Amino acid sequence: MFEPILLSYSISTIAVDCNAFSDLLHRQI
């Protein structure tokens, strides 16, 4: 059984990773 808390934690972690990655791209350009 998948814990809803774990799922939301994974989604927020992925969102933070995407934000950091796009931030890095903008800094290089």
N, C-alpha and C. Protein backbone atom coordinates (compact mmCIF):
# COMPACT_ATOMS: atom_id res chain seq x y z
N MET A 1 0.85 -1.20 0.00
CA MET A 1 0.00 0.00 0.00
C MET A 1 0.88 1.25 0.00
N PHE A 2 0.53 2.19 -0.84
CA PHE A 2 1.34 3.40 -0.98
C PHE A 2 0.87 4.48 0.00
N GLU A 3 1.79 5.00 0.78
CA GLU A 3 1.43 6.04 1.74
C GLU A 3 1.20 7.36 1.00
N PRO A 4 0.07 8.03 1.22
CA PRO A 4 -0.20 9.31 0.55
C PRO A 4 0.86 10.36 0.92
N ILE A 5 1.34 10.31 2.16
CA ILE A 5 2.35 11.28 2.59
C ILE A 5 3.64 11.09 1.78
N LEU A 6 4.01 9.82 1.59
CA LEU A 6 5.22 9.52 0.83
C LEU A 6 5.06 9.99 -0.61
N LEU A 7 3.88 9.79 -1.17
CA LEU A 7 3.61 10.19 -2.54
C LEU A 7 3.73 11.71 -2.69
N SER A 8 3.12 12.46 -1.78
CA SER A 8 3.19 13.92 -1.87
C SER A 8 4.63 14.39 -1.65
N TYR A 9 5.37 13.68 -0.79
CA TYR A 9 6.77 14.04 -0.55
C TYR A 9 7.59 13.84 -1.82
N SER A 10 7.34 12.74 -2.53
CA SER A 10 8.06 12.46 -3.78
C SER A 10 7.75 13.53 -4.82
N ILE A 11 6.48 13.90 -4.92
CA ILE A 11 6.07 14.90 -5.91
C ILE A 11 6.73 16.25 -5.60
N SER A 12 6.76 16.63 -4.32
CA SER A 12 7.36 17.92 -3.96
C SER A 12 8.87 17.88 -4.21
N THR A 13 9.50 16.74 -3.96
CA THR A 13 10.94 16.62 -4.20
C THR A 13 11.24 16.74 -5.69
N ILE A 14 10.41 16.11 -6.52
CA ILE A 14 10.59 16.18 -7.97
C ILE A 14 10.39 17.62 -8.44
N ALA A 15 9.41 18.31 -7.88
CA ALA A 15 9.14 19.69 -8.26
C ALA A 15 10.33 20.58 -7.92
N VAL A 16 10.92 20.36 -6.74
CA VAL A 16 12.09 21.15 -6.34
C VAL A 16 13.26 20.87 -7.27
N ASP A 17 13.44 19.61 -7.64
CA ASP A 17 14.53 19.24 -8.56
C ASP A 17 14.34 19.94 -9.91
N CYS A 18 13.11 19.98 -10.41
CA CYS A 18 12.83 20.63 -11.69
C CYS A 18 13.12 22.12 -11.59
N ASN A 19 12.73 22.75 -10.49
CA ASN A 19 12.97 24.18 -10.31
C ASN A 19 14.46 24.46 -10.27
N ALA A 20 15.21 23.65 -9.55
CA ALA A 20 16.65 23.85 -9.45
C ALA A 20 17.31 23.66 -10.81
N PHE A 21 16.84 22.67 -11.56
CA PHE A 21 17.42 22.39 -12.88
C PHE A 21 17.16 23.54 -13.85
N SER A 22 15.93 24.07 -13.87
CA SER A 22 15.62 25.17 -14.78
C SER A 22 16.38 26.42 -14.35
N ASP A 23 16.56 26.60 -13.03
CA ASP A 23 17.33 27.73 -12.52
C ASP A 23 18.77 27.64 -13.02
N LEU A 24 19.33 26.45 -12.99
CA LEU A 24 20.69 26.22 -13.46
C LEU A 24 20.80 26.54 -14.96
N LEU A 25 19.80 26.11 -15.72
CA LEU A 25 19.81 26.38 -17.16
C LEU A 25 19.78 27.88 -17.44
N HIS A 26 18.94 28.62 -16.71
CA HIS A 26 18.84 30.06 -16.93
C HIS A 26 20.15 30.75 -16.57
N ARG A 27 20.84 30.26 -15.55
CA ARG A 27 22.10 30.87 -15.15
C ARG A 27 23.18 30.64 -16.20
N GLN A 28 23.15 29.49 -16.86
CA GLN A 28 24.18 29.20 -17.88
C GLN A 28 23.95 30.03 -19.13
N ILE A 29 22.71 30.37 -19.41
CA ILE A 29 22.39 31.17 -20.61
C ILE A 29 22.50 32.65 -20.25
